[in-house]
Amino acid sequence: MKTGGFAVRYTDVAREDLLRLFDFLLARTDTAEGWEAAQRTIDCLAEAIERHLARSPFIFRKAGASAFVREIVISWGHAGYVALYEIEGADTVNILALRHQRDDEFD
């Protein structure tokens, strides 16, 4: 999706991570309101990632030796989510993986 200077793309792994996070949230509810809250969480997460990274992907912290691999923390409730991404060229950001802040580090 392109909402600024950089197009934001999700790798297959990152898409699977979104589904895993959604399933995790669904497993903790048995109501329609809980389902809606889970969907809203995932939608807000994706929106925040795309909004921030489309405009200024270089301002977030480096995640390793390369200046082009970084991570963004998206606050949500008492914790948040972390997206690992790579800046590819002058106009593309690839989301590599997503996890909850309290999950183990990226593999």
PDB file of N, CA and C in Angstrom:
ATOM      1  N   MET A   1       0.846  -1.175   0.000  1.00  0.00           N
ATOM      2  CA  MET A   1       0.000   0.000   0.000  1.00  0.00           C
ATOM      3  C   MET A   1       0.892   1.239   0.000  1.00  0.00           C
ATOM      4  N   LYS A   2       0.540   2.256  -0.786  1.00  0.00           N
ATOM      5  CA  LYS A   2       1.340   3.478  -0.841  1.00  0.00           C
ATOM      6  C   LYS A   2       0.505   4.636  -0.308  1.00  0.00           C
ATOM      7  N   THR A   3       0.888   5.129   0.880  1.00  0.00           N
ATOM      8  CA  THR A   3       0.172   6.242   1.502  1.00  0.00           C
ATOM      9  C   THR A   3       1.091   7.431   1.747  1.00  0.00           C
ATOM     10  N   GLY A   4       2.280   7.384   1.257  1.00  0.00           N
ATOM     11  CA  GLY A   4       3.255   8.462   1.436  1.00  0.00           C
ATOM     12  C   GLY A   4       4.351   8.275   0.427  1.00  0.00           C
ATOM     13  N   GLY A   5       5.591   8.527   0.828  1.00  0.00           N
ATOM     14  CA  GLY A   5       6.716   8.403  -0.080  1.00  0.00           C
ATOM     15  C   GLY A   5       7.167   6.983  -0.340  1.00  0.00           C
ATOM     16  N   PHE A   6       6.844   6.046   0.560  1.00  0.00           N
ATOM     17  CA  PHE A   6       7.273   4.658   0.437  1.00  0.00           C
ATOM     18  C   PHE A   6       6.063   3.733   0.309  1.00  0.00           C
ATOM     19  N   ALA A   7       6.161   2.765  -0.570  1.00  0.00           N
ATOM     20  CA  ALA A   7       5.152   1.715  -0.638  1.00  0.00           C
ATOM     21  C   ALA A   7       5.453   0.723   0.485  1.00  0.00           C
ATOM     22  N   VAL A   8       4.421   0.266   1.185  1.00  0.00           N
ATOM     23  CA  VAL A   8       4.584  -0.687   2.276  1.00  0.00           C
ATOM     24  C   VAL A   8       4.024  -2.026   1.813  1.00  0.00           C
ATOM     25  N   ARG A   9       4.905  -3.041   1.810  1.00  0.00           N
ATOM     26  CA  ARG A   9       4.517  -4.386   1.372  1.00  0.00           C
ATOM     27  C   ARG A   9       4.745  -5.365   2.517  1.00  0.00           C
ATOM     28  N   TYR A  10       3.917  -6.384   2.571  1.00  0.00           N
ATOM     29  CA  TYR A  10       4.037  -7.419   3.598  1.00  0.00           C
ATOM     30  C   TYR A  10       4.563  -8.703   2.968  1.00  0.00           C
ATOM     31  N   THR A  11       5.572  -9.282   3.589  1.00  0.00           N
ATOM     32  CA  THR A  11       6.043 -10.592   3.140  1.00  0.00           C
ATOM     33  C   THR A  11       5.014 -11.642   3.563  1.00  0.00           C
ATOM     34  N   ASP A  12       5.139 -12.843   3.020  1.00  0.00           N
ATOM     35  CA  ASP A  12       4.246 -13.925   3.417  1.00  0.00           C
ATOM     36  C   ASP A  12       4.358 -14.213   4.911  1.00  0.00           C
ATOM     37  N   VAL A  13       5.568 -14.162   5.435  1.00  0.00           N
ATOM     38  CA  VAL A  13       5.780 -14.393   6.871  1.00  0.00           C
ATOM     39  C   VAL A  13       5.035 -13.343   7.690  1.00  0.00           C
ATOM     40  N   ALA A  14       5.105 -12.085   7.292  1.00  0.00           N
ATOM     41  CA  ALA A  14       4.424 -11.018   8.022  1.00  0.00           C
ATOM     42  C   ALA A  14       2.906 -11.192   7.960  1.00  0.00           C
ATOM     43  N   ARG A  15       2.395 -11.616   6.814  1.00  0.00           N
ATOM     44  CA  ARG A  15       0.947 -11.881   6.702  1.00  0.00           C
ATOM     45  C   ARG A  15       0.540 -13.024   7.630  1.00  0.00           C
ATOM     46  N   GLU A  16       1.347 -14.053   7.694  1.00  0.00           N
ATOM     47  CA  GLU A  16       1.079 -15.169   8.612  1.00  0.00           C
ATOM     48  C   GLU A  16       1.125 -14.692  10.059  1.00  0.00           C
ATOM     49  N   ASP A  17       2.042 -13.780  10.362  1.00  0.00           N
ATOM     50  CA  ASP A  17       2.128 -13.225  11.714  1.00  0.00           C
ATOM     51  C   ASP A  17       0.861 -12.460  12.074  1.00  0.00           C
ATOM     52  N   LEU A  18       0.326 -11.684  11.139  1.00  0.00           N
ATOM     53  CA  LEU A  18      -0.932 -10.974  11.395  1.00  0.00           C
ATOM     54  C   LEU A  18      -2.055 -11.955  11.716  1.00  0.00           C
ATOM     55  N   LEU A  19      -2.133 -13.033  10.952  1.00  0.00           N
ATOM     56  CA  LEU A  19      -3.163 -14.051  11.204  1.00  0.00           C
ATOM     57  C   LEU A  19      -2.950 -14.718  12.560  1.00  0.00           C
ATOM     58  N   ARG A  20      -1.690 -14.987  12.908  1.00  0.00           N
ATOM     59  CA  ARG A  20      -1.385 -15.603  14.198  1.00  0.00           C
ATOM     60  C   ARG A  20      -1.794 -14.686  15.342  1.00  0.00           C
ATOM     61  N   LEU A  21      -1.493 -13.408  15.228  1.00  0.00           N
ATOM     62  CA  LEU A  21      -1.864 -12.443  16.255  1.00  0.00           C
ATOM     63  C   LEU A  21      -3.379 -12.332  16.378  1.00  0.00           C
ATOM     64  N   PHE A  22      -4.062 -12.329  15.252  1.00  0.00           N
ATOM     65  CA  PHE A  22      -5.528 -12.280  15.251  1.00  0.00           C
ATOM     66  C   PHE A  22      -6.097 -13.531  15.922  1.00  0.00           C
ATOM     67  N   ASP A  23      -5.590 -14.698  15.570  1.00  0.00           N
ATOM     68  CA  ASP A  23      -6.052 -15.950  16.189  1.00  0.00           C
ATOM     69  C   ASP A  23      -5.811 -15.940  17.697  1.00  0.00           C
ATOM     70  N   PHE A  24      -4.672 -15.406  18.120  1.00  0.00           N
ATOM     71  CA  PHE A  24      -4.363 -15.301  19.543  1.00  0.00           C
ATOM     72  C   PHE A  24      -5.423 -14.457  20.259  1.00  0.00           C
ATOM     73  N   LEU A  25      -5.786 -13.334  19.665  1.00  0.00           N
ATOM     74  CA  LEU A  25      -6.803 -12.468  20.261  1.00  0.00           C
ATOM     75  C   LEU A  25      -8.168 -13.139  20.273  1.00  0.00           C
ATOM     76  N   LEU A  26      -8.506 -13.840  19.202  1.00  0.00           N
ATOM     77  CA  LEU A  26      -9.805 -14.527  19.129  1.00  0.00           C
ATOM     78  C   LEU A  26      -9.913 -15.647  20.155  1.00  0.00           C
ATOM     79  N   ALA A  27      -8.811 -16.309  20.441  1.00  0.00           N
ATOM     80  CA  ALA A  27      -8.827 -17.429  21.387  1.00  0.00           C
ATOM     81  C   ALA A  27      -9.159 -16.963  22.798  1.00  0.00           C
ATOM     82  N   ARG A  28      -9.062 -15.694  23.051  1.00  0.00           N
ATOM     83  CA  ARG A  28      -9.321 -15.162  24.385  1.00  0.00           C
ATOM     84  C   ARG A  28     -10.692 -14.532  24.531  1.00  0.00           C
ATOM     85  N   THR A  29     -11.572 -14.755  23.562  1.00  0.00           N
ATOM     86  CA  THR A  29     -12.911 -14.183  23.631  1.00  0.00           C
ATOM     87  C   THR A  29     -13.932 -15.168  23.084  1.00  0.00           C
ATOM     88  N   ASP A  30     -15.158 -14.993  23.511  1.00  0.00           N
ATOM     89  CA  ASP A  30     -16.244 -15.806  22.962  1.00  0.00           C
ATOM     90  C   ASP A  30     -17.465 -14.940  22.680  1.00  0.00           C
ATOM     91  N   THR A  31     -17.224 -13.643  22.474  1.00  0.00           N
ATOM     92  CA  THR A  31     -18.326 -12.727  22.203  1.00  0.00           C
ATOM     93  C   THR A  31     -18.099 -11.998  20.886  1.00  0.00           C
ATOM     94  N   ALA A  32     -19.178 -11.457  20.350  1.00  0.00           N
ATOM     95  CA  ALA A  32     -19.080 -10.657  19.131  1.00  0.00           C
ATOM     96  C   ALA A  32     -18.259  -9.392  19.387  1.00  0.00           C
ATOM     97  N   GLU A  33     -18.400  -8.823  20.591  1.00  0.00           N
ATOM     98  CA  GLU A  33     -17.637  -7.636  20.927  1.00  0.00           C
ATOM     99  C   GLU A  33     -16.136  -7.945  20.965  1.00  0.00           C
ATOM    100  N   GLY A  34     -15.797  -9.119  21.478  1.00  0.00           N
ATOM    101  CA  GLY A  34     -14.400  -9.535  21.514  1.00  0.00           C
ATOM    102  C   GLY A  34     -13.839  -9.734  20.117  1.00  0.00           C
ATOM    103  N   TRP A  35     -14.655 -10.305  19.230  1.00  0.00           N
ATOM    104  CA  TRP A  35     -14.226 -10.490  17.842  1.00  0.00           C
ATOM    105  C   TRP A  35     -13.979  -9.132  17.197  1.00  0.00           C
ATOM    106  N   GLU A  36     -14.907  -8.193  17.422  1.00  0.00           N
ATOM    107  CA  GLU A  36     -14.755  -6.848  16.856  1.00  0.00           C
ATOM    108  C   GLU A  36     -13.508  -6.155  17.414  1.00  0.00           C
ATOM    109  N   ALA A  37     -13.244  -6.339  18.694  1.00  0.00           N
ATOM    110  CA  ALA A  37     -12.047  -5.739  19.299  1.00  0.00           C
ATOM    111  C   ALA A  37     -10.779  -6.348  18.698  1.00  0.00           C
ATOM    112  N   ALA A  38     -10.776  -7.654  18.462  1.00  0.00           N
ATOM    113  CA  ALA A  38      -9.626  -8.313  17.837  1.00  0.00           C
ATOM    114  C   ALA A  38      -9.403  -7.773  16.429  1.00  0.00           C
ATOM    115  N   GLN A  39     -10.469  -7.648  15.670  1.00  0.00           N
ATOM    116  CA  GLN A  39     -10.360  -7.125  14.307  1.00  0.00           C
ATOM    117  C   GLN A  39      -9.881  -5.678  14.325  1.00  0.00           C
ATOM    118  N   ARG A  40     -10.397  -4.886  15.247  1.00  0.00           N
ATOM    119  CA  ARG A  40     -10.002  -3.485  15.367  1.00  0.00           C
ATOM    120  C   ARG A  40      -8.514  -3.384  15.720  1.00  0.00           C
ATOM    121  N   THR A  41      -8.033  -4.255  16.587  1.00  0.00           N
ATOM    122  CA  THR A  41      -6.620  -4.262  16.964  1.00  0.00           C
ATOM    123  C   THR A  41      -5.735  -4.506  15.746  1.00  0.00           C
ATOM    124  N   ILE A  42      -6.068  -5.531  14.974  1.00  0.00           N
ATOM    125  CA  ILE A  42      -5.267  -5.856  13.786  1.00  0.00           C
ATOM    126  C   ILE A  42      -5.339  -4.742  12.755  1.00  0.00           C
ATOM    127  N   ASP A  43      -6.531  -4.184  12.552  1.00  0.00           N
ATOM    128  CA  ASP A  43      -6.685  -3.089  11.592  1.00  0.00           C
ATOM    129  C   ASP A  43      -5.868  -1.869  12.014  1.00  0.00           C
ATOM    130  N   CYS A  44      -5.919  -1.519  13.290  1.00  0.00           N
ATOM    131  CA  CYS A  44      -5.165  -0.362  13.794  1.00  0.00           C
ATOM    132  C   CYS A  44      -3.662  -0.601  13.711  1.00  0.00           C
ATOM    133  N   LEU A  45      -3.247  -1.827  13.980  1.00  0.00           N
ATOM    134  CA  LEU A  45      -1.832  -2.184  13.874  1.00  0.00           C
ATOM    135  C   LEU A  45      -1.344  -1.978  12.441  1.00  0.00           C
ATOM    136  N   ALA A  46      -2.065  -2.537  11.488  1.00  0.00           N
ATOM    137  CA  ALA A  46      -1.670  -2.405  10.075  1.00  0.00           C
ATOM    138  C   ALA A  46      -1.704  -0.944   9.628  1.00  0.00           C
ATOM    139  N   GLU A  47      -2.705  -0.210  10.071  1.00  0.00           N
ATOM    140  CA  GLU A  47      -2.811   1.205   9.702  1.00  0.00           C
ATOM    141  C   GLU A  47      -1.646   2.017  10.262  1.00  0.00           C
ATOM    142  N   ALA A  48      -1.286   1.768  11.513  1.00  0.00           N
ATOM    143  CA  ALA A  48      -0.164   2.497  12.121  1.00  0.00           C
ATOM    144  C   ALA A  48       1.152   2.180  11.419  1.00  0.00           C
ATOM    145  N   ILE A  49       1.364   0.918  11.116  1.00  0.00           N
ATOM    146  CA  ILE A  49       2.586   0.519  10.407  1.00  0.00           C
ATOM    147  C   ILE A  49       2.679   1.246   9.075  1.00  0.00           C
ATOM    148  N   GLU A  50       1.606   1.190   8.313  1.00  0.00           N
ATOM    149  CA  GLU A  50       1.622   1.784   6.980  1.00  0.00           C
ATOM    150  C   GLU A  50       1.738   3.305   7.029  1.00  0.00           C
ATOM    151  N   ARG A  51       1.046   3.922   7.965  1.00  0.00           N
ATOM    152  CA  ARG A  51       1.082   5.383   8.076  1.00  0.00           C
ATOM    153  C   ARG A  51       2.489   5.872   8.426  1.00  0.00           C
ATOM    154  N   HIS A  52       3.119   5.258   9.410  1.00  0.00           N
ATOM    155  CA  HIS A  52       4.440   5.710   9.842  1.00  0.00           C
ATOM    156  C   HIS A  52       5.540   5.364   8.841  1.00  0.00           C
ATOM    157  N   LEU A  53       5.514   4.156   8.338  1.00  0.00           N
ATOM    158  CA  LEU A  53       6.610   3.717   7.463  1.00  0.00           C
ATOM    159  C   LEU A  53       6.519   4.288   6.065  1.00  0.00           C
ATOM    160  N   ALA A  54       5.336   4.617   5.605  1.00  0.00           N
ATOM    161  CA  ALA A  54       5.199   5.231   4.282  1.00  0.00           C
ATOM    162  C   ALA A  54       5.826   6.617   4.254  1.00  0.00           C
ATOM    163  N   ARG A  55       5.867   7.261   5.403  1.00  0.00           N
ATOM    164  CA  ARG A  55       6.384   8.632   5.460  1.00  0.00           C
ATOM    165  C   ARG A  55       7.844   8.714   5.886  1.00  0.00           C
ATOM    166  N   SER A  56       8.214   7.954   6.910  1.00  0.00           N
ATOM    167  CA  SER A  56       9.561   8.146   7.463  1.00  0.00           C
ATOM    168  C   SER A  56      10.126   6.863   8.070  1.00  0.00           C
ATOM    169  N   PRO A  57      10.464   5.889   7.250  1.00  0.00           N
ATOM    170  CA  PRO A  57      10.946   4.615   7.779  1.00  0.00           C
ATOM    171  C   PRO A  57      12.327   4.665   8.424  1.00  0.00           C
ATOM    172  N   PHE A  58      13.120   5.692   8.143  1.00  0.00           N
ATOM    173  CA  PHE A  58      14.479   5.737   8.686  1.00  0.00           C
ATOM    174  C   PHE A  58      14.542   6.238  10.131  1.00  0.00           C
ATOM    175  N   ILE A  59      13.443   6.734  10.687  1.00  0.00           N
ATOM    176  CA  ILE A  59      13.525   7.299  12.038  1.00  0.00           C
ATOM    177  C   ILE A  59      13.402   6.253  13.142  1.00  0.00           C
ATOM    178  N   PHE A  60      13.030   5.034  12.804  1.00  0.00           N
ATOM    179  CA  PHE A  60      12.855   4.014  13.827  1.00  0.00           C
ATOM    180  C   PHE A  60      14.150   3.239  14.042  1.00  0.00           C
ATOM    181  N   ARG A  61      14.240   2.539  15.153  1.00  0.00           N
ATOM    182  CA  ARG A  61      15.506   1.940  15.581  1.00  0.00           C
ATOM    183  C   ARG A  61      15.987   0.821  14.666  1.00  0.00           C
ATOM    184  N   LYS A  62      17.305   0.783  14.523  1.00  0.00           N
ATOM    185  CA  LYS A  62      17.929  -0.273  13.728  1.00  0.00           C
ATOM    186  C   LYS A  62      17.780  -1.601  14.460  1.00  0.00           C
ATOM    187  N   ALA A  63      17.679  -2.664  13.682  1.00  0.00           N
ATOM    188  CA  ALA A  63      17.547  -4.016  14.243  1.00  0.00           C
ATOM    189  C   ALA A  63      18.633  -4.892  13.642  1.00  0.00           C
ATOM    190  N   GLY A  64      19.851  -4.637  14.007  1.00  0.00           N
ATOM    191  CA  GLY A  64      20.969  -5.392  13.470  1.00  0.00           C
ATOM    192  C   GLY A  64      22.013  -4.475  12.872  1.00  0.00           C
ATOM    193  N   ALA A  65      22.907  -5.066  12.114  1.00  0.00           N
ATOM    194  CA  ALA A  65      24.040  -4.322  11.565  1.00  0.00           C
ATOM    195  C   ALA A  65      23.649  -3.421  10.388  1.00  0.00           C
ATOM    196  N   SER A  66      22.641  -3.797   9.649  1.00  0.00           N
ATOM    197  CA  SER A  66      22.255  -3.022   8.471  1.00  0.00           C
ATOM    198  C   SER A  66      21.413  -1.807   8.857  1.00  0.00           C
ATOM    199  N   ALA A  67      21.708  -0.686   8.243  1.00  0.00           N
ATOM    200  CA  ALA A  67      20.916   0.521   8.468  1.00  0.00           C
ATOM    201  C   ALA A  67      19.536   0.414   7.829  1.00  0.00           C
ATOM    202  N   PHE A  68      19.328  -0.608   7.017  1.00  0.00           N
ATOM    203  CA  PHE A  68      18.077  -0.753   6.288  1.00  0.00           C
ATOM    204  C   PHE A  68      17.102  -1.730   6.936  1.00  0.00           C
ATOM    205  N   VAL A  69      17.543  -2.447   7.957  1.00  0.00           N
ATOM    206  CA  VAL A  69      16.653  -3.356   8.696  1.00  0.00           C
ATOM    207  C   VAL A  69      16.367  -2.689  10.034  1.00  0.00           C
ATOM    208  N   ARG A  70      15.082  -2.447  10.276  1.00  0.00           N
ATOM    209  CA  ARG A  70      14.681  -1.681  11.453  1.00  0.00           C
ATOM    210  C   ARG A  70      13.421  -2.270  12.057  1.00  0.00           C
ATOM    211  N   GLU A  71      13.026  -1.715  13.201  1.00  0.00           N
ATOM    212  CA  GLU A  71      11.779  -2.147  13.813  1.00  0.00           C
ATOM    213  C   GLU A  71      11.045  -0.950  14.387  1.00  0.00           C
ATOM    214  N   ILE A  72       9.746  -1.060  14.353  1.00  0.00           N
ATOM    215  CA  ILE A  72       8.873  -0.030  14.890  1.00  0.00           C
ATOM    216  C   ILE A  72       8.026  -0.667  15.986  1.00  0.00           C
ATOM    217  N   VAL A  73       7.864   0.052  17.089  1.00  0.00           N
ATOM    218  CA  VAL A  73       7.014  -0.400  18.183  1.00  0.00           C
ATOM    219  C   VAL A  73       5.719   0.392  18.114  1.00  0.00           C
ATOM    220  N   ILE A  74       4.595  -0.321  18.098  1.00  0.00           N
ATOM    221  CA  ILE A  74       3.285   0.300  18.065  1.00  0.00           C
ATOM    222  C   ILE A  74       2.622   0.037  19.405  1.00  0.00           C
ATOM    223  N   SER A  75       2.449   1.083  20.199  1.00  0.00           N
ATOM    224  CA  SER A  75       1.833   0.929  21.513  1.00  0.00           C
ATOM    225  C   SER A  75       0.372   0.550  21.372  1.00  0.00           C
ATOM    226  N   TRP A  76      -0.054  -0.375  22.258  1.00  0.00           N
ATOM    227  CA  TRP A  76      -1.451  -0.799  22.253  1.00  0.00           C
ATOM    228  C   TRP A  76      -1.781  -1.319  23.645  1.00  0.00           C
ATOM    229  N   GLY A  77      -2.636  -0.623  24.360  1.00  0.00           N
ATOM    230  CA  GLY A  77      -2.966  -1.044  25.713  1.00  0.00           C
ATOM    231  C   GLY A  77      -1.765  -0.911  26.624  1.00  0.00           C
ATOM    232  N   HIS A  78      -1.525  -1.956  27.413  1.00  0.00           N
ATOM    233  CA  HIS A  78      -0.408  -1.944  28.364  1.00  0.00           C
ATOM    234  C   HIS A  78       0.897  -2.418  27.742  1.00  0.00           C
ATOM    235  N   ALA A  79       0.862  -2.818  26.497  1.00  0.00           N
ATOM    236  CA  ALA A  79       2.073  -3.297  25.829  1.00  0.00           C
ATOM    237  C   ALA A  79       2.074  -2.745  24.408  1.00  0.00           C
ATOM    238  N   GLY A  80       2.222  -3.603  23.440  1.00  0.00           N
ATOM    239  CA  GLY A  80       2.215  -3.168  22.057  1.00  0.00           C
ATOM    240  C   GLY A  80       2.709  -4.266  21.135  1.00  0.00           C
ATOM    241  N   TYR A  81       2.993  -3.880  19.919  1.00  0.00           N
ATOM    242  CA  TYR A  81       3.436  -4.796  18.885  1.00  0.00           C
ATOM    243  C   TYR A  81       4.706  -4.258  18.256  1.00  0.00           C
ATOM    244  N   VAL A  82       5.489  -5.160  17.691  1.00  0.00           N
ATOM    245  CA  VAL A  82       6.743  -4.790  17.041  1.00  0.00           C
ATOM    246  C   VAL A  82       6.705  -5.319  15.614  1.00  0.00           C
ATOM    247  N   ALA A  83       7.040  -4.446  14.676  1.00  0.00           N
ATOM    248  CA  ALA A  83       7.140  -4.842  13.268  1.00  0.00           C
ATOM    249  C   ALA A  83       8.601  -4.717  12.839  1.00  0.00           C
ATOM    250  N   LEU A  84       9.137  -5.794  12.321  1.00  0.00           N
ATOM    251  CA  LEU A  84      10.480  -5.809  11.756  1.00  0.00           C
ATOM    252  C   LEU A  84      10.331  -5.532  10.263  1.00  0.00           C
ATOM    253  N   TYR A  85      11.129  -4.604   9.752  1.00  0.00           N
ATOM    254  CA  TYR A  85      11.003  -4.251   8.339  1.00  0.00           C
ATOM    255  C   TYR A  85      12.353  -3.939   7.723  1.00  0.00           C
ATOM    256  N   GLU A  86      12.350  -3.944   6.400  1.00  0.00           N
ATOM    257  CA  GLU A  86      13.555  -3.626   5.634  1.00  0.00           C
ATOM    258  C   GLU A  86      13.214  -2.565   4.606  1.00  0.00           C
ATOM    259  N   ILE A  87      14.053  -1.561   4.534  1.00  0.00           N
ATOM    260  CA  ILE A  87      13.884  -0.513   3.533  1.00  0.00           C
ATOM    261  C   ILE A  87      14.572  -0.991   2.267  1.00  0.00           C
ATOM    262  N   GLU A  88      13.803  -1.072   1.199  1.00  0.00           N
ATOM    263  CA  GLU A  88      14.307  -1.573  -0.084  1.00  0.00           C
ATOM    264  C   GLU A  88      14.288  -0.438  -1.093  1.00  0.00           C
ATOM    265  N   GLY A  89      15.434   0.046  -1.419  1.00  0.00           N
ATOM    266  CA  GLY A  89      15.516   1.123  -2.395  1.00  0.00           C
ATOM    267  C   GLY A  89      14.967   2.427  -1.848  1.00  0.00           C
ATOM    268  N   ALA A  90      14.636   3.325  -2.754  1.00  0.00           N
ATOM    269  CA  ALA A  90      14.196   4.666  -2.374  1.00  0.00           C
ATOM    270  C   ALA A  90      12.690   4.790  -2.203  1.00  0.00           C
ATOM    271  N   ASP A  91      11.958   3.680  -2.412  1.00  0.00           N
ATOM    272  CA  ASP A  91      10.501   3.853  -2.383  1.00  0.00           C
ATOM    273  C   ASP A  91       9.704   2.670  -1.828  1.00  0.00           C
ATOM    274  N   THR A  92      10.373   1.685  -1.217  1.00  0.00           N
ATOM    275  CA  THR A  92       9.647   0.494  -0.752  1.00  0.00           C
ATOM    276  C   THR A  92      10.119   0.071   0.636  1.00  0.00           C
ATOM    277  N   VAL A  93       9.168  -0.291   1.461  1.00  0.00           N
ATOM    278  CA  VAL A  93       9.433  -0.867   2.773  1.00  0.00           C
ATOM    279  C   VAL A  93       8.760  -2.232   2.803  1.00  0.00           C
ATOM    280  N   ASN A  94       9.520  -3.262   3.163  1.00  0.00           N
ATOM    281  CA  ASN A  94       8.983  -4.617   3.273  1.00  0.00           C
ATOM    282  C   ASN A  94       8.837  -4.987   4.743  1.00  0.00           C
ATOM    283  N   ILE A  95       7.619  -5.307   5.158  1.00  0.00           N
ATOM    284  CA  ILE A  95       7.383  -5.774   6.518  1.00  0.00           C
ATOM    285  C   ILE A  95       7.814  -7.233   6.536  1.00  0.00           C
ATOM    286  N   LEU A  96       8.788  -7.550   7.381  1.00  0.00           N
ATOM    287  CA  LEU A  96       9.361  -8.895   7.427  1.00  0.00           C
ATOM    288  C   LEU A  96       8.670  -9.796   8.441  1.00  0.00           C
ATOM    289  N   ALA A  97       8.284  -9.229   9.586  1.00  0.00           N
ATOM    290  CA  ALA A  97       7.684 -10.031  10.649  1.00  0.00           C
ATOM    291  C   ALA A  97       6.979  -9.117  11.644  1.00  0.00           C
ATOM    292  N   LEU A  98       6.030  -9.692  12.380  1.00  0.00           N
ATOM    293  CA  LEU A  98       5.308  -8.965  13.424  1.00  0.00           C
ATOM    294  C   LEU A  98       5.222  -9.843  14.650  1.00  0.00           C
ATOM    295  N   ARG A  99       5.243  -9.209  15.805  1.00  0.00           N
ATOM    296  CA  ARG A  99       5.073  -9.958  17.044  1.00  0.00           C
ATOM    297  C   ARG A  99       4.522  -9.031  18.112  1.00  0.00           C
ATOM    298  N   HIS A 100       3.960  -9.632  19.150  1.00  0.00           N
ATOM    299  CA  HIS A 100       3.554  -8.872  20.323  1.00  0.00           C
ATOM    300  C   HIS A 100       4.818  -8.525  21.086  1.00  0.00           C
ATOM    301  N   GLN A 101       4.821  -7.401  21.753  1.00  0.00           N
ATOM    302  CA  GLN A 101       6.011  -6.952  22.480  1.00  0.00           C
ATOM    303  C   GLN A 101       6.455  -7.959  23.540  1.00  0.00           C
ATOM    304  N   ARG A 102       5.520  -8.699  24.102  1.00  0.00           N
ATOM    305  CA  ARG A 102       5.858  -9.638  25.161  1.00  0.00           C
ATOM    306  C   ARG A 102       6.257 -11.019  24.613  1.00  0.00           C
ATOM    307  N   ASP A 103       6.128 -11.207  23.302  1.00  0.00           N
ATOM    308  CA  ASP A 103       6.580 -12.462  22.680  1.00  0.00           C
ATOM    309  C   ASP A 103       8.097 -12.504  22.698  1.00  0.00           C
ATOM    310  N   ASP A 104       8.628 -13.696  22.433  1.00  0.00           N
ATOM    311  CA  ASP A 104      10.072 -13.825  22.283  1.00  0.00           C
ATOM    312  C   ASP A 104      10.538 -12.996  21.110  1.00  0.00           C
ATOM    313  N   GLU A 105      11.820 -12.799  21.028  1.00  0.00           N
ATOM    314  CA  GLU A 105      12.404 -12.043  19.926  1.00  0.00           C
ATOM    315  C   GLU A 105      12.071 -12.707  18.588  1.00  0.00           C
ATOM    316  N   PHE A 106      12.311 -11.966  17.502  1.00  0.00           N
ATOM    317  CA  PHE A 106      12.110 -12.514  16.172  1.00  0.00           C
ATOM    318  C   PHE A 106      13.045 -13.688  15.961  1.00  0.00           C
ATOM    319  N   ASP A 107      12.585 -14.656  15.181  1.00  0.00           N
ATOM    320  CA  ASP A 107      13.435 -15.813  14.855  1.00  0.00           C
ATOM    321  C   ASP A 107      14.461 -15.454  13.818  1.00  0.00           C
TER     322      ASP A 107
END
